[in-house]
């Protein structure tokens, strides 16, 4: 029986695995490494966060994005956006050095079993483990406007459905949304030869400003400190004090998670977008029907006027909504037994990211209502990994170095020797 099975091999899952292996836990990581970044983001996208705040987490601060970029001969400078492909490559490089071998299997069930869990996969026999960390990323929580759900296949997609936008060349596309995903998808569509139009409920678009230099006069630095989530004291609190956010009343935490760091486009995208993409702002979607091979969208302006727009395809860049009820791999009885926040969409968690079910831990988007908005970003992986592994060790009753460290190290060396990390 394993000490810990990590479900998910994105930034959070890999960071948790790195800390767990270093702590001597017998840990296994299940999933496709960096799947969301590799499979659901088209070429031409850039990392919105600064390189220095986009590290995966290993004990001692090792295996940073900057270290990886040095090896490539690529600059990872403050104020210079990095391609998503570079970040995906960094995640694979990190996986080959900091974490035990990732097993590329699809987890289909996490079921209570005795004092631990049975983890089923689509590819092999089930696994037994004492604890489980669910770091499943954002893909299970895609959010679609209800009005688009009845459209026939081919008429509508989510922005995360596209690893390549070239197929939309020459196509009239309507992009719904006002955040980075919507703005960048629309710009990339235009650059790929499509004819995009952005439709947003907001009366105006928000754009991040050019980042201030890292080295600044002391007074200015104190007035607007840098943080992993941007500049300013409010961003600094969300970035650096997730433990403090957790101590707030539950309704306050939920409100912060839902409203802090709202939709905005990166400063480096603004010119590309505004030169190429027309926008219908202050327009709310009122209806959507198929009209032959096209889609007829009924929009309502802030003044209450009705506007009809016909388009060949609709891309909903409407983000992700954390909801336990959409996590199909979680045993239904177990999910129903969990203590939850608010309307029951997210789990109530301990300071160590443990749910009310002993041994079941969560990481990433589902934890934002407990620990704040940093859990929506890569930057939150550092805080999560260390605290979660401490929580696992507490659950296992660990005292000092745990048995299994040698086995984990031996397995990692064997995997590398056998070519188990093709991305290293």
Protein backbone atom coordinates (compact mmCIF):
# COMPACT_ATOMS: atom_id res chain seq x y z
CA UNK A 1 0.00 0.00 0.00
CA UNK A 2 1.34 3.43 -0.97
CA UNK A 3 1.55 6.33 1.46
CA UNK A 4 0.18 8.83 -1.05
CA UNK A 5 -1.29 8.78 -4.54
CA UNK A 6 -1.36 12.15 -6.30
CA UNK A 7 -4.07 12.35 -8.96
CA UNK A 8 -2.98 14.93 -11.52
CA UNK A 9 0.42 15.84 -12.94
CA UNK A 10 0.14 19.57 -13.55
CA UNK A 11 2.01 22.23 -11.53
CA UNK A 12 0.20 21.37 -8.29
CA UNK A 13 0.44 17.60 -8.62
CA UNK A 14 4.12 17.65 -9.58
CA UNK A 15 4.97 20.07 -6.77
CA UNK A 16 3.16 17.94 -4.19
CA UNK A 17 4.95 14.83 -5.46
CA UNK A 18 8.33 16.56 -5.23
CA UNK A 19 7.77 17.52 -1.60
CA UNK A 20 6.35 14.12 -0.73
CA UNK A 21 9.28 12.24 -2.25
CA UNK A 22 11.75 14.50 -0.45
CA UNK A 23 9.92 13.80 2.82
CA UNK A 24 10.40 10.06 2.32
CA UNK A 25 6.81 9.22 1.45
CA UNK A 26 6.11 6.32 -0.87
CA UNK A 27 4.28 8.41 -3.45
CA UNK A 28 2.86 7.72 -6.91
CA UNK A 29 1.76 10.35 -9.42
CA UNK A 30 -1.01 9.50 -11.90
CA UNK A 31 -1.87 11.57 -14.96
CA UNK A 32 -0.51 13.14 -18.13
CA UNK A 33 2.23 15.63 -17.18
CA UNK A 34 1.22 19.25 -17.86
CA UNK A 35 -1.82 18.04 -19.79
CA UNK A 36 -3.83 21.29 -19.65
CA UNK A 37 -0.88 23.32 -20.87
CA UNK A 38 0.18 20.88 -23.59
CA UNK A 39 -3.22 19.85 -24.92
CA UNK A 40 -5.58 22.77 -24.34
CA UNK A 41 -3.63 25.91 -25.20
CA UNK A 42 -2.86 26.85 -28.81
CA UNK A 43 0.57 27.86 -30.09
CA UNK A 44 1.20 31.57 -29.74
CA UNK A 45 -0.12 31.88 -26.20
CA UNK A 46 2.10 33.39 -23.54
CA UNK A 47 2.40 32.96 -19.80
CA UNK A 48 0.58 35.85 -18.12
CA UNK A 49 2.45 35.67 -14.81
CA UNK A 50 6.02 36.85 -14.38
CA UNK A 51 8.68 34.11 -14.79
CA UNK A 52 9.93 34.53 -11.20
CA UNK A 53 6.41 33.87 -9.87
CA UNK A 54 5.74 30.85 -12.09
CA UNK A 55 7.95 28.22 -10.49
CA UNK A 56 6.82 24.76 -9.61
CA UNK A 57 7.80 23.92 -6.05
CA UNK A 58 10.57 21.61 -4.86
CA UNK A 59 12.18 21.64 -1.40
CA UNK A 60 14.98 24.16 -1.17
CA UNK A 61 13.66 26.18 -4.10
CA UNK A 62 15.41 23.94 -6.61
CA UNK A 63 14.45 23.33 -10.27
CA UNK A 64 13.16 26.81 -11.06
CA UNK A 65 11.83 28.13 -14.34
CA UNK A 66 14.86 30.41 -14.60
CA UNK A 67 17.20 27.42 -14.25
CA UNK A 68 15.35 25.62 -17.02
CA UNK A 69 15.46 28.67 -19.29
CA UNK A 70 19.20 29.08 -18.75
CA UNK A 71 19.66 25.54 -20.03
CA UNK A 72 17.70 26.47 -23.16
CA UNK A 73 19.53 29.73 -23.65
CA UNK A 74 16.22 31.57 -23.20
CA UNK A 75 15.87 34.71 -21.10
CA UNK A 76 13.32 34.55 -18.27
CA UNK A 77 13.26 38.26 -17.51
CA UNK A 78 10.84 40.34 -15.49
CA UNK A 79 8.47 42.10 -17.87
CA UNK A 80 9.14 39.70 -20.76
CA UNK A 81 6.32 37.18 -21.33
CA UNK A 82 7.32 33.56 -21.94
CA UNK A 83 5.61 31.29 -24.49
CA UNK A 84 3.26 28.70 -23.05
CA UNK A 85 5.32 26.03 -24.83
CA UNK A 86 8.36 27.04 -22.80
CA UNK A 87 6.40 26.71 -19.58
CA UNK A 88 5.02 23.31 -20.61
CA UNK A 89 8.56 22.15 -21.35
CA UNK A 90 9.63 23.42 -17.95
CA UNK A 91 6.94 21.31 -16.27
CA UNK A 92 8.15 18.18 -18.05
CA UNK A 93 11.76 18.99 -17.14
CA UNK A 94 10.72 19.48 -13.50
CA UNK A 95 8.85 16.16 -13.54
CA UNK A 96 11.98 14.37 -14.67
CA UNK A 97 14.11 15.82 -11.89
CA UNK A 98 12.06 16.62 -8.82
CA UNK A 99 9.23 14.08 -8.81
CA UNK A 100 9.01 10.29 -8.91
CA UNK A 101 8.11 8.80 -12.29
CA UNK A 102 4.71 9.96 -13.52
CA UNK A 103 2.39 7.12 -14.53
CA UNK A 104 0.35 8.25 -17.54
CA UNK A 105 -2.95 6.63 -16.66
CA UNK A 106 -6.51 7.92 -16.43
CA UNK A 107 -7.98 7.73 -12.94
CA UNK A 108 -11.62 6.63 -13.05
CA UNK A 109 -12.41 6.18 -9.37
CA UNK A 110 -11.28 7.12 -5.87
CA UNK A 111 -13.13 4.90 -3.39
CA UNK A 112 -12.78 4.49 0.39
CA UNK A 113 -11.22 1.14 1.26
CA UNK A 114 -10.60 0.22 4.90
CA UNK A 115 -8.39 2.92 6.39
CA UNK A 116 -7.28 4.11 2.97
CA UNK A 117 -8.48 4.31 -0.62
CA UNK A 118 -8.83 2.21 -3.74
CA UNK A 119 -7.78 4.15 -6.84
CA UNK A 120 -9.08 2.72 -10.12
CA UNK A 121 -7.56 3.52 -13.51
CA UNK A 122 -8.63 2.86 -17.08
CA UNK A 123 -5.33 1.19 -17.94
CA UNK A 124 -4.47 -1.27 -15.19
CA UNK A 125 -5.25 -2.86 -11.83
CA UNK A 126 -6.46 -0.67 -8.96
CA UNK A 127 -4.04 0.80 -6.44
CA UNK A 128 -4.28 0.84 -2.66
CA UNK A 129 -3.10 3.92 -0.81
CA UNK A 130 -3.32 5.38 2.66
CA UNK A 131 -3.92 8.94 1.44
CA UNK A 132 -4.94 10.67 -1.81
CA UNK A 133 -4.25 14.19 -3.07
CA UNK A 134 -6.60 15.34 -5.82
CA UNK A 135 -4.75 17.87 -7.97
CA UNK A 136 -6.98 17.53 -11.02
CA UNK A 137 -6.48 20.99 -12.50
CA UNK A 138 -9.29 22.99 -14.10
CA UNK A 139 -10.54 20.83 -16.95
CA UNK A 140 -13.26 19.02 -14.97
CA UNK A 141 -14.76 22.43 -14.13
CA UNK A 142 -15.29 24.04 -17.54
CA UNK A 143 -18.01 26.70 -17.34
CA UNK A 144 -20.47 27.16 -20.23
CA UNK A 145 -23.30 29.69 -20.31
CA UNK A 146 -26.53 27.70 -19.94
CA UNK A 147 -27.93 29.33 -23.06
CA UNK A 148 -25.28 27.63 -25.20
CA UNK A 149 -25.77 24.09 -23.90
CA UNK A 150 -28.53 23.19 -26.37
CA UNK A 151 -26.59 24.18 -29.48
CA UNK A 152 -25.68 21.29 -31.81
CA UNK A 153 -22.09 19.98 -31.87
CA UNK A 154 -19.84 22.08 -34.06
CA UNK A 155 -21.64 25.33 -33.29
CA UNK A 156 -19.97 26.05 -29.96
CA UNK A 157 -16.80 25.18 -28.07
CA UNK A 158 -14.93 26.27 -24.95
CA UNK A 159 -11.66 28.17 -25.26
CA UNK A 160 -9.90 25.24 -23.55
CA UNK A 161 -11.01 22.87 -26.31
CA UNK A 162 -8.45 24.19 -28.76
CA UNK A 163 -4.83 23.16 -28.99
CA UNK A 164 -4.74 24.76 -32.45
CA UNK A 165 -6.83 27.61 -33.87
CA UNK A 166 -5.66 27.27 -37.49
CA UNK A 167 -8.86 25.45 -38.51
CA UNK A 168 -10.83 28.68 -38.01
CA UNK A 169 -9.04 30.53 -40.82
CA UNK A 170 -11.65 32.45 -42.81
CA UNK A 171 -14.40 31.68 -40.27
CA UNK A 172 -16.57 34.24 -38.49
CA UNK A 173 -16.13 33.46 -34.79
CA UNK A 174 -17.81 35.07 -31.80
CA UNK A 175 -15.78 34.91 -28.58
CA UNK A 176 -17.68 35.33 -25.32
CA UNK A 177 -15.82 36.68 -22.30
CA UNK A 178 -13.64 39.53 -21.05
CA UNK A 179 -10.69 37.83 -19.37
CA UNK A 180 -7.26 36.86 -20.60
CA UNK A 181 -8.49 33.65 -22.23
CA UNK A 182 -11.13 35.51 -24.24
CA UNK A 183 -8.87 38.37 -25.28
CA UNK A 184 -5.91 36.19 -26.21
CA UNK A 185 -8.07 33.62 -28.03
CA UNK A 186 -9.67 36.40 -30.07
CA UNK A 187 -6.29 37.92 -30.92
CA UNK A 188 -4.86 34.55 -31.93
CA UNK A 189 -7.93 33.81 -34.06
CA UNK A 190 -7.41 37.09 -35.93
CA UNK A 191 -3.73 36.30 -36.42
CA UNK A 192 -4.69 32.86 -37.74
CA UNK A 193 -6.90 34.42 -40.42
CA UNK A 194 -10.27 34.08 -38.69
CA UNK A 195 -12.80 36.91 -38.34
CA UNK A 196 -13.38 37.13 -34.59
CA UNK A 197 -15.69 39.46 -32.67
CA UNK A 198 -15.60 39.70 -28.90
CA UNK A 199 -18.87 39.90 -26.98
CA UNK A 200 -18.69 40.84 -23.29
CA UNK A 201 -21.15 41.88 -20.58
CA UNK A 202 -18.65 44.40 -19.24
CA UNK A 203 -18.98 47.98 -20.41
CA UNK A 204 -15.21 48.22 -20.76
CA UNK A 205 -12.26 45.85 -20.83
CA UNK A 206 -9.70 45.82 -18.03
CA UNK A 207 -6.00 45.67 -18.91
CA UNK A 208 -3.09 45.04 -16.59
CA UNK A 209 -0.46 47.77 -16.59
CA UNK A 210 3.17 47.30 -17.57
CA UNK A 211 4.92 45.76 -14.52
CA UNK A 212 7.02 48.07 -12.43
CA UNK A 213 10.76 47.36 -12.20
CA UNK A 214 11.85 44.93 -9.52
CA UNK A 215 14.42 47.44 -8.26
CA UNK A 216 12.63 50.62 -7.16
CA UNK A 217 13.03 53.37 -4.56
CA UNK A 218 12.11 52.08 -1.10
CA UNK A 219 9.12 54.36 -0.67
CA UNK A 220 7.59 53.25 -3.94
CA UNK A 221 8.29 49.59 -3.19
CA UNK A 222 6.58 49.89 0.19
CA UNK A 223 3.59 51.67 -1.32
CA UNK A 224 3.10 49.07 -4.07
CA UNK A 225 4.95 45.84 -3.22
CA UNK A 226 5.52 43.16 -5.81
CA UNK A 227 3.90 39.78 -5.27
CA UNK A 228 3.40 36.58 -7.18
CA UNK A 229 -0.05 37.79 -8.23
CA UNK A 230 0.79 41.36 -9.16
CA UNK A 231 1.66 44.71 -7.60
CA UNK A 232 -0.05 46.25 -4.58
CA UNK A 233 -0.88 45.33 -1.00
CA UNK A 234 -4.13 43.56 -1.81
CA UNK A 235 -2.42 41.27 -4.34
CA UNK A 236 0.43 40.76 -1.87
CA UNK A 237 -2.00 39.48 0.78
CA UNK A 238 -3.67 37.04 -1.63
CA UNK A 239 -0.26 35.88 -2.85
CA UNK A 240 1.73 35.61 0.36
CA UNK A 241 -0.82 34.97 3.12
CA UNK A 242 -3.15 32.14 2.07
CA UNK A 243 -3.05 30.87 5.66
CA UNK A 244 -4.52 34.17 6.83
CA UNK A 245 -7.27 34.06 4.21
CA UNK A 246 -8.29 30.64 5.54
CA UNK A 247 -8.91 32.12 8.99
CA UNK A 248 -11.55 34.51 7.68
CA UNK A 249 -15.26 33.66 7.95
CA UNK A 250 -16.37 31.24 5.23
CA UNK A 251 -18.69 33.72 3.42
CA UNK A 252 -15.83 36.25 3.27
CA UNK A 253 -13.45 33.66 1.85
CA UNK A 254 -15.96 32.62 -0.79
CA UNK A 255 -16.55 36.24 -1.79
CA UNK A 256 -12.81 36.88 -2.08
CA UNK A 257 -12.30 33.75 -4.19
CA UNK A 258 -15.11 34.77 -6.53
CA UNK A 259 -14.24 38.45 -6.96
CA UNK A 260 -10.53 39.10 -6.30
CA UNK A 261 -8.23 39.46 -9.30
CA UNK A 262 -11.11 39.64 -11.74
CA UNK A 263 -10.99 39.39 -15.55
CA UNK A 264 -8.23 41.43 -17.17
CA UNK A 265 -5.96 41.21 -20.17
CA UNK A 266 -2.17 41.21 -20.06
CA UNK A 267 -0.50 44.50 -20.92
CA UNK A 268 1.47 42.93 -23.79
CA UNK A 269 -1.74 41.72 -25.48
CA UNK A 270 -3.62 45.01 -25.66
CA UNK A 271 -2.20 46.35 -28.90
CA UNK A 272 -2.53 43.01 -30.69
CA UNK A 273 -6.18 42.77 -29.64
CA UNK A 274 -7.30 46.33 -30.28
CA UNK A 275 -5.74 46.45 -33.76
CA UNK A 276 -7.49 43.30 -34.98
CA UNK A 277 -10.62 42.46 -32.99
CA UNK A 278 -13.93 44.38 -32.91
CA UNK A 279 -15.75 44.18 -29.58
CA UNK A 280 -19.39 44.44 -28.56
CA UNK A 281 -19.12 45.58 -24.94
CA UNK A 282 -22.01 45.87 -22.51
CA UNK A 283 -23.86 43.13 -24.40
CA UNK A 284 -25.46 40.28 -22.44
CA UNK A 285 -26.29 36.94 -24.09
CA UNK A 286 -30.06 36.51 -24.12
CA UNK A 287 -30.54 33.56 -26.50
CA UNK A 288 -28.74 31.20 -28.90
CA UNK A 289 -30.27 29.09 -31.65
CA UNK A 290 -28.91 27.11 -34.58
CA UNK A 291 -29.82 28.60 -37.96
CA UNK A 292 -28.63 26.13 -40.56
CA UNK A 293 -24.85 26.04 -40.39
CA UNK A 294 -24.70 29.25 -38.38
CA UNK A 295 -25.64 30.32 -34.87
CA UNK A 296 -28.01 33.19 -34.15
CA UNK A 297 -27.13 35.01 -30.94
CA UNK A 298 -29.62 37.35 -29.35
CA UNK A 299 -27.86 40.00 -27.26
CA UNK A 300 -29.22 42.66 -24.96
CA UNK A 301 -27.45 45.97 -24.47
CA UNK A 302 -27.20 47.83 -21.16
CA UNK A 303 -29.99 50.09 -22.43
CA UNK A 304 -32.26 47.08 -22.97
CA UNK A 305 -32.04 47.08 -26.75
CA UNK A 306 -32.01 43.74 -28.57
CA UNK A 307 -29.17 42.96 -30.99
CA UNK A 308 -29.02 39.88 -33.21
CA UNK A 309 -25.67 38.55 -34.37
CA UNK A 310 -25.20 35.59 -36.71
CA UNK A 311 -21.90 33.76 -36.55
CA UNK A 312 -20.35 30.55 -37.83
CA UNK A 313 -18.95 29.46 -34.47
CA UNK A 314 -19.10 30.51 -30.82
CA UNK A 315 -16.13 30.16 -28.47
CA UNK A 316 -17.09 30.44 -24.81
CA UNK A 317 -14.02 31.79 -23.01
CA UNK A 318 -16.03 31.78 -19.80
CA UNK A 319 -13.57 30.18 -17.43
CA UNK A 320 -13.98 27.43 -14.86
CA UNK A 321 -16.28 26.97 -11.86
CA UNK A 322 -15.02 24.71 -9.05
CA UNK A 323 -17.70 22.19 -8.10
CA UNK A 324 -17.21 18.85 -6.35
CA UNK A 325 -20.33 17.51 -8.02
CA UNK A 326 -18.54 17.58 -11.38
CA UNK A 327 -15.62 15.52 -10.13
CA UNK A 328 -16.82 12.21 -11.56
CA UNK A 329 -13.82 10.17 -10.41
CA UNK A 330 -14.73 10.76 -6.76
CA UNK A 331 -16.92 8.04 -5.21
CA UNK A 332 -20.46 9.42 -4.92
CA UNK A 333 -20.90 8.35 -1.30
CA UNK A 334 -17.58 9.86 -0.32
CA UNK A 335 -18.39 13.13 -2.11
CA UNK A 336 -21.79 13.34 -0.42
CA UNK A 337 -20.20 12.84 3.01
CA UNK A 338 -17.73 15.73 2.67
CA UNK A 339 -18.20 18.93 4.64
CA UNK A 340 -18.50 21.74 2.11
CA UNK A 341 -18.62 25.51 1.85
CA UNK A 342 -21.57 27.60 0.78
CA UNK A 343 -23.77 25.82 -1.72
CA UNK A 344 -21.70 22.65 -1.45
CA UNK A 345 -19.50 23.18 -4.46
CA UNK A 346 -16.13 23.10 -2.72
CA UNK A 347 -14.70 21.16 0.24
CA UNK A 348 -14.03 22.59 3.69
CA UNK A 349 -10.33 22.02 4.32
CA UNK A 350 -7.91 21.92 7.23
CA UNK A 351 -4.76 24.02 7.36
CA UNK A 352 -3.04 21.05 5.72
CA UNK A 353 -5.52 20.86 2.80
CA UNK A 354 -7.21 17.77 4.24
CA UNK A 355 -10.96 17.38 3.75
CA UNK A 356 -13.38 16.16 6.40
CA UNK A 357 -12.78 12.63 5.10
CA UNK A 358 -9.53 11.49 6.77
CA UNK A 359 -6.73 11.05 4.25
CA UNK A 360 -8.43 12.83 1.33
CA UNK A 361 -6.60 16.03 0.32
CA UNK A 362 -7.35 18.62 -2.35
CA UNK A 363 -5.17 21.07 -4.30
CA UNK A 364 -5.73 23.77 -6.89
CA UNK A 365 -8.95 25.45 -7.99
CA UNK A 366 -11.23 23.61 -5.54
CA UNK A 367 -9.24 25.07 -2.65
CA UNK A 368 -9.60 28.75 -3.63
CA UNK A 369 -12.65 29.33 -1.38
CA UNK A 370 -10.57 28.03 1.54
CA UNK A 371 -7.18 29.65 0.88
CA UNK A 372 -7.90 32.49 -1.52
CA UNK A 373 -7.33 33.41 -5.17
CA UNK A 374 -3.66 32.35 -5.31
CA UNK A 375 -4.96 28.77 -5.60
CA UNK A 376 -6.18 29.66 -9.10
CA UNK A 377 -2.63 30.32 -10.26
CA UNK A 378 0.67 28.43 -10.57
CA UNK A 379 2.09 30.62 -7.81
CA UNK A 380 -0.14 28.91 -5.26
CA UNK A 381 1.55 25.54 -5.81
CA UNK A 382 4.46 26.44 -3.54
CA UNK A 383 2.30 27.17 -0.50
CA UNK A 384 0.08 24.18 -1.23
CA UNK A 385 2.77 21.53 -1.71
CA UNK A 386 4.61 22.11 1.57
CA UNK A 387 1.47 22.45 3.70
CA UNK A 388 -0.31 19.52 2.08
CA UNK A 389 2.62 17.14 2.54
CA UNK A 390 2.84 18.17 6.19
CA UNK A 391 -0.84 17.33 6.43
CA UNK A 392 -0.26 13.93 4.86
CA UNK A 393 2.56 13.18 7.28
CA UNK A 394 0.37 14.19 10.19
CA UNK A 395 -2.38 11.89 8.95
CA UNK A 396 0.11 9.02 8.62
CA UNK A 397 1.46 9.69 12.10
CA UNK A 398 4.96 10.38 10.79
CA UNK A 399 7.74 11.39 13.16
CA UNK A 400 10.98 12.43 11.49
CA UNK A 401 12.11 10.85 8.20
CA UNK A 402 9.61 8.30 7.00
CA UNK A 403 10.40 4.79 5.78
CA UNK A 404 10.27 4.53 2.00
CA UNK A 405 12.62 7.37 1.08
CA UNK A 406 15.25 4.96 -0.23
CA UNK A 407 12.62 3.07 -2.22
CA UNK A 408 11.32 6.27 -3.82
CA UNK A 409 14.85 7.36 -4.77
CA UNK A 410 15.66 3.90 -6.16
CA UNK A 411 12.48 3.87 -8.21
CA UNK A 412 13.19 7.32 -9.63
CA UNK A 413 16.71 6.25 -10.64
CA UNK A 414 15.35 3.05 -12.20
CA UNK A 415 12.72 5.00 -14.15
CA UNK A 416 15.32 7.34 -15.57
CA UNK A 417 17.69 4.51 -16.47
CA UNK A 418 14.84 2.67 -18.21
CA UNK A 419 13.75 5.74 -20.12
CA UNK A 420 10.71 6.24 -17.91
CA UNK A 421 11.06 10.04 -18.30
CA UNK A 422 11.11 10.61 -22.07
CA UNK A 423 10.85 14.35 -21.44
CA UNK A 424 14.09 14.73 -19.46
